[in-house]
N, C-alpha and C. Protein backbone atom coordinates (compact mmCIF):
# COMPACT_ATOMS: atom_id res chain seq x y z
N MET A 1 -8.51 -46.07 28.75
CA MET A 1 -7.71 -46.78 29.74
C MET A 1 -6.27 -46.89 29.24
N MET A 2 -5.31 -46.67 30.16
CA MET A 2 -3.90 -46.73 29.80
C MET A 2 -3.47 -48.18 29.61
N ARG A 3 -2.75 -48.43 28.52
CA ARG A 3 -2.25 -49.78 28.25
C ARG A 3 -0.76 -49.71 27.92
N THR A 4 -0.06 -50.80 28.25
CA THR A 4 1.35 -50.88 27.89
C THR A 4 1.47 -51.02 26.38
N ASN A 5 2.27 -50.14 25.73
CA ASN A 5 2.37 -50.22 24.28
C ASN A 5 3.32 -51.34 23.85
N ARG A 6 3.15 -51.77 22.62
CA ARG A 6 3.90 -52.92 22.12
C ARG A 6 5.39 -52.64 22.02
N PHE A 7 5.74 -51.39 21.71
CA PHE A 7 7.14 -51.02 21.59
C PHE A 7 7.89 -51.29 22.89
N VAL A 8 7.28 -50.91 24.01
CA VAL A 8 7.90 -51.11 25.32
C VAL A 8 8.03 -52.59 25.63
N VAL A 9 6.98 -53.35 25.33
CA VAL A 9 7.01 -54.80 25.58
C VAL A 9 8.10 -55.45 24.75
N MET A 10 8.22 -55.05 23.49
CA MET A 10 9.23 -55.64 22.60
C MET A 10 10.64 -55.33 23.10
N LEU A 11 10.88 -54.09 23.53
CA LEU A 11 12.20 -53.73 24.03
C LEU A 11 12.54 -54.49 25.31
N THR A 12 11.55 -54.67 26.16
CA THR A 12 11.78 -55.40 27.41
C THR A 12 12.12 -56.86 27.13
N VAL A 13 11.36 -57.48 26.25
CA VAL A 13 11.64 -58.87 25.86
C VAL A 13 13.01 -58.96 25.20
N PHE A 14 13.33 -57.98 24.35
CA PHE A 14 14.63 -57.95 23.67
C PHE A 14 15.78 -57.90 24.67
N SER A 15 15.59 -57.18 25.79
CA SER A 15 16.65 -57.08 26.80
C SER A 15 16.95 -58.45 27.41
N TYR A 16 15.91 -59.27 27.61
CA TYR A 16 16.12 -60.62 28.14
C TYR A 16 16.80 -61.51 27.10
N LEU A 17 16.43 -61.35 25.84
CA LEU A 17 17.07 -62.13 24.78
C LEU A 17 18.56 -61.81 24.69
N LEU A 18 18.90 -60.52 24.80
CA LEU A 18 20.31 -60.12 24.78
C LEU A 18 21.08 -60.79 25.91
N SER A 19 20.46 -60.84 27.08
CA SER A 19 21.11 -61.47 28.23
C SER A 19 21.34 -62.96 28.00
N LEU A 20 20.32 -63.63 27.47
CA LEU A 20 20.45 -65.07 27.21
C LEU A 20 21.54 -65.35 26.18
N ILE A 21 21.64 -64.48 25.17
CA ILE A 21 22.67 -64.64 24.15
C ILE A 21 24.06 -64.40 24.74
N ALA A 22 24.16 -63.43 25.64
CA ALA A 22 25.47 -63.05 26.19
C ALA A 22 25.98 -63.99 27.27
N ILE A 23 25.06 -64.64 27.99
CA ILE A 23 25.44 -65.46 29.15
C ILE A 23 26.60 -66.43 28.88
N PRO A 24 26.60 -67.20 27.79
CA PRO A 24 27.70 -68.16 27.59
C PRO A 24 29.07 -67.50 27.43
N TYR A 25 29.08 -66.23 27.06
CA TYR A 25 30.34 -65.54 26.77
C TYR A 25 30.80 -64.61 27.89
N LEU A 26 29.97 -64.45 28.91
CA LEU A 26 30.33 -63.56 30.02
C LEU A 26 31.24 -64.28 31.01
N PRO A 27 32.14 -63.55 31.68
CA PRO A 27 32.95 -64.16 32.74
C PRO A 27 32.07 -64.50 33.93
N ASP A 28 32.56 -65.30 34.85
CA ASP A 28 31.76 -65.71 36.01
C ASP A 28 31.36 -64.52 36.87
N GLU A 29 32.23 -63.49 36.92
CA GLU A 29 31.90 -62.26 37.63
C GLU A 29 31.93 -61.12 36.63
N VAL A 30 30.89 -60.29 36.67
CA VAL A 30 30.80 -59.17 35.73
C VAL A 30 30.77 -57.85 36.48
N ALA A 31 31.29 -56.81 35.85
CA ALA A 31 31.28 -55.47 36.45
C ALA A 31 29.86 -54.90 36.43
N THR A 32 29.43 -54.38 37.57
CA THR A 32 28.10 -53.78 37.66
C THR A 32 28.14 -52.37 38.25
N HIS A 33 29.34 -51.92 38.62
CA HIS A 33 29.47 -50.57 39.18
C HIS A 33 30.82 -50.00 38.78
N TRP A 34 30.84 -48.69 38.51
CA TRP A 34 32.07 -48.02 38.08
C TRP A 34 32.31 -46.79 38.94
N ASN A 35 33.59 -46.47 39.22
CA ASN A 35 33.90 -45.28 40.01
C ASN A 35 33.92 -44.04 39.12
N THR A 36 34.28 -42.90 39.73
CA THR A 36 34.24 -41.64 39.00
C THR A 36 35.29 -41.56 37.90
N ALA A 37 36.26 -42.44 37.93
CA ALA A 37 37.29 -42.49 36.88
C ALA A 37 36.88 -43.42 35.75
N GLY A 38 35.69 -44.03 35.86
CA GLY A 38 35.22 -44.94 34.84
C GLY A 38 35.78 -46.34 34.98
N GLU A 39 36.36 -46.65 36.15
CA GLU A 39 36.95 -47.96 36.39
C GLU A 39 35.97 -48.83 37.16
N ALA A 40 35.84 -50.07 36.76
CA ALA A 40 34.93 -51.00 37.45
C ALA A 40 35.41 -51.23 38.87
N ASP A 41 34.51 -51.05 39.84
CA ASP A 41 34.89 -51.27 41.24
C ASP A 41 33.83 -52.08 42.00
N GLY A 42 32.87 -52.66 41.26
CA GLY A 42 31.86 -53.50 41.88
C GLY A 42 31.49 -54.63 40.93
N TYR A 43 31.41 -55.86 41.46
CA TYR A 43 31.17 -57.02 40.60
C TYR A 43 30.04 -57.88 41.17
N SER A 44 29.39 -58.61 40.27
CA SER A 44 28.33 -59.55 40.65
C SER A 44 28.46 -60.81 39.82
N SER A 45 27.68 -61.82 40.18
CA SER A 45 27.67 -63.03 39.36
C SER A 45 27.13 -62.69 37.98
N LYS A 46 27.52 -63.46 36.98
CA LYS A 46 27.11 -63.12 35.62
C LYS A 46 25.59 -63.22 35.43
N TRP A 47 24.93 -64.09 36.17
CA TRP A 47 23.48 -64.20 36.04
C TRP A 47 22.79 -62.96 36.59
N PHE A 48 23.26 -62.50 37.74
CA PHE A 48 22.68 -61.27 38.31
C PHE A 48 23.00 -60.08 37.42
N GLY A 49 24.25 -60.00 36.96
CA GLY A 49 24.65 -58.89 36.12
C GLY A 49 23.91 -58.85 34.80
N ALA A 50 23.62 -60.02 34.25
CA ALA A 50 22.97 -60.09 32.94
C ALA A 50 21.47 -59.79 33.01
N PHE A 51 20.84 -60.08 34.15
CA PHE A 51 19.38 -59.96 34.20
C PHE A 51 18.86 -58.88 35.16
N SER A 52 19.74 -58.19 35.88
CA SER A 52 19.27 -57.17 36.82
C SER A 52 18.61 -55.99 36.10
N LEU A 53 19.22 -55.49 35.03
CA LEU A 53 18.63 -54.36 34.31
C LEU A 53 17.33 -54.74 33.58
N PRO A 54 17.26 -55.91 32.92
CA PRO A 54 15.96 -56.30 32.36
C PRO A 54 14.87 -56.42 33.43
N PHE A 55 15.24 -56.88 34.61
CA PHE A 55 14.26 -56.97 35.70
C PHE A 55 13.80 -55.58 36.13
N ILE A 56 14.75 -54.64 36.20
CA ILE A 56 14.38 -53.26 36.55
C ILE A 56 13.45 -52.68 35.50
N MET A 57 13.76 -52.93 34.23
CA MET A 57 12.90 -52.47 33.14
C MET A 57 11.48 -53.03 33.27
N THR A 58 11.41 -54.33 33.55
CA THR A 58 10.10 -54.98 33.71
C THR A 58 9.32 -54.35 34.86
N SER A 59 10.01 -54.09 35.97
CA SER A 59 9.37 -53.49 37.15
C SER A 59 8.83 -52.09 36.83
N ILE A 60 9.63 -51.30 36.10
CA ILE A 60 9.21 -49.95 35.74
C ILE A 60 7.97 -49.99 34.85
N VAL A 61 7.99 -50.86 33.85
CA VAL A 61 6.87 -50.96 32.92
C VAL A 61 5.59 -51.39 33.66
N LEU A 62 5.71 -52.40 34.51
CA LEU A 62 4.54 -52.87 35.26
C LEU A 62 4.02 -51.78 36.20
N LEU A 63 4.95 -51.11 36.89
CA LEU A 63 4.54 -50.07 37.83
C LEU A 63 3.83 -48.92 37.12
N MET A 64 4.41 -48.45 36.01
CA MET A 64 3.83 -47.31 35.32
C MET A 64 2.56 -47.68 34.56
N THR A 65 2.35 -48.97 34.34
CA THR A 65 1.08 -49.41 33.76
C THR A 65 -0.01 -49.45 34.83
N LEU A 66 0.37 -49.81 36.05
CA LEU A 66 -0.60 -49.93 37.15
C LEU A 66 -0.95 -48.59 37.80
N LEU A 67 0.00 -47.65 37.84
CA LEU A 67 -0.23 -46.40 38.55
C LEU A 67 -1.49 -45.66 38.11
N PRO A 68 -1.74 -45.50 36.80
CA PRO A 68 -2.96 -44.79 36.40
C PRO A 68 -4.24 -45.46 36.88
N LYS A 69 -4.20 -46.75 37.08
CA LYS A 69 -5.39 -47.46 37.51
C LYS A 69 -5.64 -47.29 39.01
N MET A 70 -4.58 -46.97 39.77
CA MET A 70 -4.70 -46.83 41.23
C MET A 70 -4.88 -45.39 41.67
N ASP A 71 -4.53 -44.46 40.81
CA ASP A 71 -4.55 -43.04 41.16
C ASP A 71 -5.99 -42.53 41.31
N PRO A 72 -6.32 -41.84 42.43
CA PRO A 72 -7.66 -41.26 42.57
C PRO A 72 -7.99 -40.28 41.45
N LYS A 73 -6.95 -39.72 40.82
CA LYS A 73 -7.16 -38.79 39.71
C LYS A 73 -6.92 -39.50 38.37
N LYS A 74 -7.33 -40.73 38.28
CA LYS A 74 -7.05 -41.55 37.09
C LYS A 74 -7.60 -40.93 35.81
N ALA A 75 -8.69 -40.17 35.92
CA ALA A 75 -9.28 -39.57 34.72
C ALA A 75 -8.32 -38.58 34.06
N ASN A 76 -7.44 -37.96 34.85
CA ASN A 76 -6.51 -36.98 34.29
C ASN A 76 -5.46 -37.61 33.38
N TYR A 77 -5.17 -38.89 33.58
CA TYR A 77 -4.14 -39.55 32.77
C TYR A 77 -4.54 -39.59 31.29
N GLU A 78 -5.83 -39.63 31.02
CA GLU A 78 -6.28 -39.63 29.63
C GLU A 78 -5.92 -38.33 28.93
N LYS A 79 -5.76 -37.26 29.71
CA LYS A 79 -5.45 -35.95 29.14
C LYS A 79 -3.99 -35.83 28.73
N PHE A 80 -3.14 -36.72 29.27
CA PHE A 80 -1.72 -36.65 28.88
C PHE A 80 -1.15 -38.03 28.59
N LYS A 81 -2.02 -38.93 28.12
CA LYS A 81 -1.56 -40.31 27.91
C LYS A 81 -0.48 -40.41 26.84
N GLY A 82 -0.52 -39.51 25.83
CA GLY A 82 0.54 -39.52 24.82
C GLY A 82 1.88 -39.21 25.43
N SER A 83 1.93 -38.16 26.25
CA SER A 83 3.18 -37.78 26.93
C SER A 83 3.61 -38.86 27.92
N TYR A 84 2.64 -39.45 28.59
CA TYR A 84 2.95 -40.50 29.56
C TYR A 84 3.60 -41.70 28.88
N ASN A 85 3.07 -42.09 27.73
CA ASN A 85 3.65 -43.22 26.99
C ASN A 85 5.05 -42.89 26.49
N ILE A 86 5.26 -41.64 26.07
CA ILE A 86 6.59 -41.24 25.62
C ILE A 86 7.59 -41.32 26.77
N ILE A 87 7.18 -40.90 27.96
CA ILE A 87 8.05 -40.97 29.14
C ILE A 87 8.43 -42.42 29.44
N ILE A 88 7.44 -43.33 29.37
CA ILE A 88 7.73 -44.75 29.59
C ILE A 88 8.72 -45.25 28.53
N ASN A 89 8.47 -44.88 27.28
CA ASN A 89 9.36 -45.31 26.19
C ASN A 89 10.79 -44.84 26.43
N VAL A 90 10.94 -43.59 26.81
CA VAL A 90 12.28 -43.01 27.00
C VAL A 90 12.99 -43.69 28.16
N LEU A 91 12.28 -43.97 29.24
CA LEU A 91 12.89 -44.67 30.38
C LEU A 91 13.37 -46.05 29.97
N VAL A 92 12.54 -46.77 29.22
CA VAL A 92 12.91 -48.12 28.79
C VAL A 92 14.08 -48.06 27.82
N ILE A 93 14.08 -47.09 26.90
CA ILE A 93 15.20 -46.94 25.96
C ILE A 93 16.50 -46.65 26.72
N PHE A 94 16.42 -45.80 27.74
CA PHE A 94 17.61 -45.49 28.54
C PHE A 94 18.16 -46.76 29.19
N PHE A 95 17.28 -47.55 29.80
CA PHE A 95 17.74 -48.74 30.52
C PHE A 95 18.25 -49.82 29.57
N ILE A 96 17.63 -49.95 28.39
CA ILE A 96 18.15 -50.97 27.47
C ILE A 96 19.48 -50.51 26.88
N ALA A 97 19.66 -49.21 26.70
CA ALA A 97 20.96 -48.71 26.23
C ALA A 97 22.02 -48.96 27.29
N LEU A 98 21.68 -48.71 28.56
CA LEU A 98 22.60 -48.99 29.66
C LEU A 98 22.92 -50.48 29.73
N HIS A 99 21.90 -51.30 29.48
CA HIS A 99 22.07 -52.75 29.49
C HIS A 99 23.04 -53.20 28.40
N ILE A 100 22.87 -52.64 27.20
CA ILE A 100 23.76 -52.98 26.08
C ILE A 100 25.19 -52.56 26.38
N VAL A 101 25.35 -51.36 26.93
CA VAL A 101 26.69 -50.86 27.27
C VAL A 101 27.34 -51.75 28.32
N THR A 102 26.57 -52.14 29.34
CA THR A 102 27.10 -52.99 30.41
C THR A 102 27.52 -54.36 29.88
N LEU A 103 26.66 -54.96 29.06
CA LEU A 103 27.00 -56.26 28.47
C LEU A 103 28.24 -56.14 27.58
N ALA A 104 28.28 -55.10 26.76
CA ALA A 104 29.42 -54.90 25.86
C ALA A 104 30.72 -54.76 26.63
N TYR A 105 30.68 -54.00 27.71
CA TYR A 105 31.88 -53.82 28.55
C TYR A 105 32.38 -55.16 29.08
N ASN A 106 31.44 -55.96 29.59
CA ASN A 106 31.81 -57.24 30.19
C ASN A 106 32.17 -58.31 29.16
N LEU A 107 31.80 -58.06 27.92
CA LEU A 107 32.20 -58.97 26.85
C LEU A 107 33.53 -58.56 26.22
N GLY A 108 34.09 -57.47 26.74
CA GLY A 108 35.42 -57.06 26.28
C GLY A 108 35.45 -56.01 25.20
N PHE A 109 34.29 -55.45 24.85
CA PHE A 109 34.27 -54.40 23.84
C PHE A 109 34.74 -53.07 24.45
N PRO A 110 35.38 -52.21 23.67
CA PRO A 110 35.91 -50.95 24.20
C PRO A 110 34.83 -49.88 24.33
N VAL A 111 34.00 -49.98 25.36
CA VAL A 111 32.95 -48.99 25.59
C VAL A 111 33.30 -48.17 26.82
N ASP A 112 32.90 -46.92 26.82
CA ASP A 112 33.20 -46.00 27.92
C ASP A 112 31.94 -45.77 28.73
N VAL A 113 31.78 -46.54 29.80
CA VAL A 113 30.59 -46.41 30.65
C VAL A 113 30.54 -45.03 31.28
N ASP A 114 31.71 -44.50 31.65
CA ASP A 114 31.80 -43.19 32.29
C ASP A 114 31.29 -42.09 31.37
N LEU A 115 31.38 -42.30 30.07
CA LEU A 115 30.89 -41.32 29.09
C LEU A 115 29.40 -41.48 28.87
N PHE A 116 28.93 -42.72 28.86
CA PHE A 116 27.52 -42.98 28.57
C PHE A 116 26.60 -42.44 29.66
N VAL A 117 26.95 -42.62 30.93
CA VAL A 117 26.03 -42.31 32.02
C VAL A 117 25.61 -40.83 32.03
N PRO A 118 26.54 -39.87 32.07
CA PRO A 118 26.08 -38.47 32.08
C PRO A 118 25.35 -38.05 30.80
N ILE A 119 25.79 -38.57 29.66
CA ILE A 119 25.12 -38.23 28.41
C ILE A 119 23.72 -38.85 28.38
N GLY A 120 23.63 -40.13 28.79
CA GLY A 120 22.33 -40.81 28.81
C GLY A 120 21.35 -40.16 29.75
N ILE A 121 21.80 -39.84 30.96
CA ILE A 121 20.91 -39.19 31.94
C ILE A 121 20.57 -37.78 31.48
N GLY A 122 21.55 -37.11 30.87
CA GLY A 122 21.29 -35.76 30.36
C GLY A 122 20.20 -35.75 29.31
N VAL A 123 20.29 -36.67 28.36
CA VAL A 123 19.26 -36.79 27.32
C VAL A 123 17.91 -37.13 27.95
N LEU A 124 17.92 -38.02 28.93
CA LEU A 124 16.70 -38.40 29.63
C LEU A 124 16.04 -37.18 30.28
N PHE A 125 16.84 -36.35 30.95
CA PHE A 125 16.31 -35.14 31.60
C PHE A 125 15.74 -34.16 30.57
N ILE A 126 16.42 -34.02 29.43
CA ILE A 126 15.96 -33.09 28.40
C ILE A 126 14.61 -33.53 27.85
N VAL A 127 14.47 -34.82 27.58
CA VAL A 127 13.20 -35.34 27.06
C VAL A 127 12.10 -35.17 28.11
N LEU A 128 12.39 -35.52 29.36
CA LEU A 128 11.40 -35.36 30.43
C LEU A 128 11.00 -33.90 30.57
N GLY A 129 11.98 -33.00 30.45
CA GLY A 129 11.69 -31.58 30.56
C GLY A 129 10.74 -31.09 29.49
N ASN A 130 10.87 -31.62 28.29
CA ASN A 130 10.01 -31.20 27.20
C ASN A 130 8.56 -31.65 27.38
N TYR A 131 8.37 -32.77 28.08
CA TYR A 131 7.01 -33.28 28.26
C TYR A 131 6.42 -32.98 29.65
N MET A 132 7.25 -32.49 30.55
CA MET A 132 6.78 -32.23 31.91
C MET A 132 5.62 -31.23 31.98
N PRO A 133 5.64 -30.13 31.20
CA PRO A 133 4.51 -29.19 31.28
C PRO A 133 3.18 -29.79 30.86
N LYS A 134 3.19 -30.93 30.17
CA LYS A 134 1.96 -31.54 29.71
C LYS A 134 1.33 -32.47 30.75
N LEU A 135 2.06 -32.76 31.83
CA LEU A 135 1.54 -33.65 32.85
C LEU A 135 0.42 -32.97 33.63
N LYS A 136 -0.70 -33.62 33.75
CA LYS A 136 -1.83 -33.08 34.49
C LYS A 136 -1.78 -33.55 35.95
N HIS A 137 -2.56 -32.87 36.76
CA HIS A 137 -2.56 -33.11 38.21
C HIS A 137 -2.83 -34.58 38.54
N ASN A 138 -1.90 -35.21 39.26
CA ASN A 138 -2.07 -36.60 39.70
C ASN A 138 -1.20 -36.84 40.92
N TYR A 139 -1.28 -38.02 41.49
CA TYR A 139 -0.58 -38.30 42.74
C TYR A 139 0.71 -39.09 42.59
N PHE A 140 1.06 -39.51 41.36
CA PHE A 140 2.20 -40.40 41.21
C PHE A 140 3.30 -39.91 40.27
N VAL A 141 2.95 -39.20 39.22
CA VAL A 141 3.93 -38.88 38.17
C VAL A 141 4.11 -37.37 38.06
N GLY A 142 5.35 -36.92 38.19
CA GLY A 142 5.63 -35.50 38.05
C GLY A 142 6.37 -34.96 39.26
N ILE A 143 6.35 -33.64 39.41
CA ILE A 143 7.01 -32.97 40.54
C ILE A 143 6.03 -32.96 41.70
N ARG A 144 6.22 -33.88 42.62
CA ARG A 144 5.26 -34.06 43.71
C ARG A 144 5.81 -33.46 44.99
N THR A 145 5.31 -32.30 45.33
CA THR A 145 5.61 -31.68 46.62
C THR A 145 4.26 -31.53 47.34
N PRO A 146 4.27 -31.23 48.63
CA PRO A 146 2.98 -31.05 49.32
C PRO A 146 2.12 -29.98 48.67
N TRP A 147 2.76 -29.00 48.02
CA TRP A 147 2.03 -27.85 47.47
C TRP A 147 1.53 -28.10 46.06
N THR A 148 2.27 -28.87 45.26
CA THR A 148 1.75 -29.21 43.92
C THR A 148 0.58 -30.18 44.04
N ILE A 149 0.65 -31.09 45.00
CA ILE A 149 -0.42 -32.07 45.18
C ILE A 149 -1.67 -31.39 45.74
N ALA A 150 -1.47 -30.37 46.58
CA ALA A 150 -2.60 -29.71 47.23
C ALA A 150 -3.34 -28.75 46.31
N ASN A 151 -2.64 -28.22 45.29
CA ASN A 151 -3.24 -27.16 44.48
C ASN A 151 -2.92 -27.38 43.00
N GLU A 152 -3.94 -27.48 42.18
CA GLU A 152 -3.72 -27.78 40.76
C GLU A 152 -3.04 -26.63 40.03
N THR A 153 -3.34 -25.38 40.41
CA THR A 153 -2.67 -24.24 39.79
C THR A 153 -1.18 -24.25 40.10
N VAL A 154 -0.83 -24.58 41.34
CA VAL A 154 0.57 -24.68 41.72
C VAL A 154 1.24 -25.80 40.93
N TRP A 155 0.53 -26.90 40.76
CA TRP A 155 1.04 -28.01 39.94
C TRP A 155 1.40 -27.53 38.54
N ASN A 156 0.47 -26.83 37.89
CA ASN A 156 0.69 -26.38 36.52
C ASN A 156 1.86 -25.40 36.43
N LYS A 157 1.92 -24.45 37.34
CA LYS A 157 3.01 -23.46 37.32
C LYS A 157 4.36 -24.13 37.56
N THR A 158 4.40 -25.04 38.53
CA THR A 158 5.65 -25.72 38.87
C THR A 158 6.14 -26.57 37.71
N HIS A 159 5.23 -27.23 37.03
CA HIS A 159 5.64 -28.09 35.91
C HIS A 159 6.04 -27.29 34.68
N ARG A 160 5.48 -26.09 34.53
CA ARG A 160 5.93 -25.25 33.41
C ARG A 160 7.38 -24.81 33.61
N ILE A 161 7.70 -24.34 34.82
CA ILE A 161 9.08 -23.95 35.10
C ILE A 161 9.96 -25.18 35.23
N GLY A 162 9.38 -26.29 35.73
CA GLY A 162 10.13 -27.53 35.90
C GLY A 162 10.63 -28.09 34.58
N GLY A 163 9.86 -27.91 33.51
CA GLY A 163 10.30 -28.38 32.20
C GLY A 163 11.58 -27.68 31.78
N LYS A 164 11.64 -26.37 32.00
CA LYS A 164 12.84 -25.60 31.64
C LYS A 164 14.02 -26.00 32.52
N VAL A 165 13.76 -26.20 33.81
CA VAL A 165 14.83 -26.58 34.73
C VAL A 165 15.40 -27.95 34.35
N PHE A 166 14.55 -28.90 34.00
CA PHE A 166 15.02 -30.23 33.63
C PHE A 166 15.86 -30.19 32.35
N VAL A 167 15.46 -29.36 31.39
CA VAL A 167 16.26 -29.24 30.16
C VAL A 167 17.63 -28.65 30.49
N PHE A 168 17.65 -27.61 31.33
CA PHE A 168 18.93 -27.02 31.75
C PHE A 168 19.79 -28.04 32.49
N MET A 169 19.17 -28.80 33.40
CA MET A 169 19.90 -29.82 34.15
C MET A 169 20.47 -30.86 33.20
N GLY A 170 19.68 -31.26 32.20
CA GLY A 170 20.15 -32.26 31.24
C GLY A 170 21.36 -31.78 30.47
N LEU A 171 21.33 -30.53 30.01
CA LEU A 171 22.46 -29.96 29.27
C LEU A 171 23.69 -29.86 30.17
N ALA A 172 23.47 -29.42 31.42
CA ALA A 172 24.59 -29.29 32.35
C ALA A 172 25.21 -30.65 32.67
N LEU A 173 24.37 -31.67 32.83
CA LEU A 173 24.88 -33.01 33.12
C LEU A 173 25.71 -33.55 31.96
N MET A 174 25.28 -33.26 30.75
CA MET A 174 26.03 -33.73 29.58
C MET A 174 27.40 -33.05 29.50
N LEU A 175 27.47 -31.80 29.94
CA LEU A 175 28.74 -31.07 29.89
C LEU A 175 29.76 -31.58 30.91
N THR A 176 29.29 -32.34 31.91
CA THR A 176 30.23 -32.86 32.91
C THR A 176 31.19 -33.89 32.32
N VAL A 177 30.91 -34.39 31.10
CA VAL A 177 31.83 -35.36 30.48
C VAL A 177 33.18 -34.71 30.17
N PHE A 178 33.21 -33.38 30.13
CA PHE A 178 34.46 -32.69 29.82
C PHE A 178 35.29 -32.41 31.08
N ILE A 179 34.76 -32.80 32.25
CA ILE A 179 35.48 -32.60 33.50
C ILE A 179 35.92 -33.95 34.03
N GLU A 180 37.19 -34.14 34.19
CA GLU A 180 37.72 -35.45 34.56
C GLU A 180 37.67 -35.68 36.08
N GLY A 181 37.62 -36.95 36.43
CA GLY A 181 37.75 -37.37 37.82
C GLY A 181 36.56 -37.00 38.69
N ILE A 182 36.87 -36.82 39.98
CA ILE A 182 35.84 -36.62 41.00
C ILE A 182 35.07 -35.32 40.81
N TRP A 183 35.69 -34.31 40.18
CA TRP A 183 35.03 -33.01 40.02
C TRP A 183 33.84 -33.09 39.07
N GLY A 184 33.94 -33.92 38.07
CA GLY A 184 32.81 -34.11 37.18
C GLY A 184 31.64 -34.73 37.92
N PHE A 185 31.93 -35.70 38.79
CA PHE A 185 30.88 -36.35 39.58
C PHE A 185 30.27 -35.37 40.58
N ILE A 186 31.11 -34.53 41.20
CA ILE A 186 30.61 -33.54 42.16
C ILE A 186 29.68 -32.54 41.46
N LEU A 187 30.10 -32.09 40.26
CA LEU A 187 29.24 -31.17 39.51
C LEU A 187 27.94 -31.85 39.11
N PHE A 188 28.03 -33.13 38.74
CA PHE A 188 26.86 -33.94 38.40
C PHE A 188 25.85 -33.92 39.55
N LEU A 189 26.33 -34.19 40.76
CA LEU A 189 25.46 -34.20 41.94
C LEU A 189 24.96 -32.80 42.28
N ALA A 190 25.84 -31.80 42.15
CA ALA A 190 25.47 -30.43 42.49
C ALA A 190 24.35 -29.90 41.59
N VAL A 191 24.48 -30.16 40.29
CA VAL A 191 23.46 -29.71 39.34
C VAL A 191 22.12 -30.34 39.66
N THR A 192 22.13 -31.63 39.93
CA THR A 192 20.89 -32.35 40.25
C THR A 192 20.27 -31.82 41.53
N LEU A 193 21.10 -31.65 42.58
CA LEU A 193 20.59 -31.18 43.88
C LEU A 193 20.03 -29.77 43.78
N ILE A 194 20.76 -28.88 43.10
CA ILE A 194 20.30 -27.50 42.97
C ILE A 194 18.97 -27.45 42.22
N GLY A 195 18.84 -28.23 41.17
CA GLY A 195 17.60 -28.26 40.39
C GLY A 195 16.42 -28.75 41.23
N VAL A 196 16.64 -29.79 42.00
CA VAL A 196 15.57 -30.35 42.83
C VAL A 196 15.16 -29.37 43.93
N VAL A 197 16.14 -28.78 44.60
CA VAL A 197 15.85 -27.82 45.68
C VAL A 197 15.14 -26.59 45.11
N TYR A 198 15.58 -26.12 43.96
CA TYR A 198 14.95 -24.94 43.35
C TYR A 198 13.47 -25.20 43.07
N LEU A 199 13.14 -26.35 42.51
CA LEU A 199 11.75 -26.66 42.20
C LEU A 199 10.92 -26.86 43.46
N PHE A 200 11.53 -27.43 44.49
CA PHE A 200 10.84 -27.61 45.76
C PHE A 200 10.45 -26.25 46.35
N VAL A 201 11.43 -25.34 46.39
CA VAL A 201 11.18 -24.00 46.93
C VAL A 201 10.20 -23.24 46.04
N LYS A 202 10.36 -23.37 44.74
CA LYS A 202 9.49 -22.65 43.81
C LYS A 202 8.04 -23.07 43.97
N SER A 203 7.80 -24.36 44.18
CA SER A 203 6.42 -24.83 44.36
C SER A 203 5.82 -24.25 45.64
N TYR A 204 6.65 -24.12 46.67
CA TYR A 204 6.18 -23.50 47.93
C TYR A 204 5.82 -22.04 47.71
N LEU A 205 6.65 -21.31 46.97
CA LEU A 205 6.39 -19.89 46.71
C LEU A 205 5.13 -19.72 45.86
N TYR A 206 4.94 -20.61 44.88
CA TYR A 206 3.72 -20.55 44.08
C TYR A 206 2.49 -20.78 44.96
N PHE A 207 2.61 -21.71 45.91
CA PHE A 207 1.50 -22.01 46.80
C PHE A 207 1.18 -20.80 47.68
N GLN A 208 2.22 -20.14 48.21
CA GLN A 208 2.00 -18.95 49.02
C GLN A 208 1.33 -17.85 48.21
N GLU A 209 1.73 -17.74 46.96
CA GLU A 209 1.11 -16.74 46.07
C GLU A 209 -0.37 -17.03 45.87
N GLU A 210 -0.71 -18.30 45.68
CA GLU A 210 -2.11 -18.68 45.52
C GLU A 210 -2.91 -18.43 46.80
N GLN A 211 -2.28 -18.67 47.95
CA GLN A 211 -2.94 -18.41 49.22
C GLN A 211 -3.26 -16.92 49.39
N ARG A 212 -2.29 -16.08 49.01
CA ARG A 212 -2.51 -14.63 49.13
C ARG A 212 -3.60 -14.18 48.16
N ASN A 213 -3.60 -14.73 46.95
CA ASN A 213 -4.63 -14.36 45.98
C ASN A 213 -6.01 -14.78 46.45
N GLY A 214 -6.06 -15.92 47.17
CA GLY A 214 -7.35 -16.39 47.67
C GLY A 214 -7.92 -15.54 48.77
N LEU A 215 -7.05 -14.78 49.46
CA LEU A 215 -7.50 -13.93 50.55
C LEU A 215 -7.95 -12.55 50.08
N ARG A 216 -7.67 -12.25 48.82
CA ARG A 216 -8.03 -10.92 48.30
C ARG A 216 -9.50 -10.86 47.91
């Protein structure tokens, strides 16, 4: 049975402790959104700003702990539970790093949020790409298209190529830090969109191939 590991619980609790420590020193309004130039352009109350990311982390941990128990293919999760736990760990690490950067910015430390986001997401994609081929057929986690869900062979083929695509996307996203202004953001979106569309189409082509093989 899948269980939430202690490392994830400790990091989540740590995120709340950081918020409680920072609250007395935060301004009444804190930056929670930045434009493509890395300038803050969205603000919230300090309580919302301090605890929104820990709440998101908590929601992710609870959701990913419950999903294997609700999935009709729950038995398959045992086959990749190590990879599944690593994915949860990496997601939580990403969000707590984002939380630390956000708090540091609002406390007046010289941090570059515009630099952290593409690098952080890029690293996240690379790690996910390395573990994606290990994901077994299920209804909640992975590249879910009508064709991967319908056919286990299509699932396996799509996730093998998907791992490579995610690593490429991660590297490309990290390189956008060298492009200033709106063009870096446009490339960021373009790389993500192209990768998603490619995998969607590829899963359909794999499914058609399996259909033809079944007719022979």
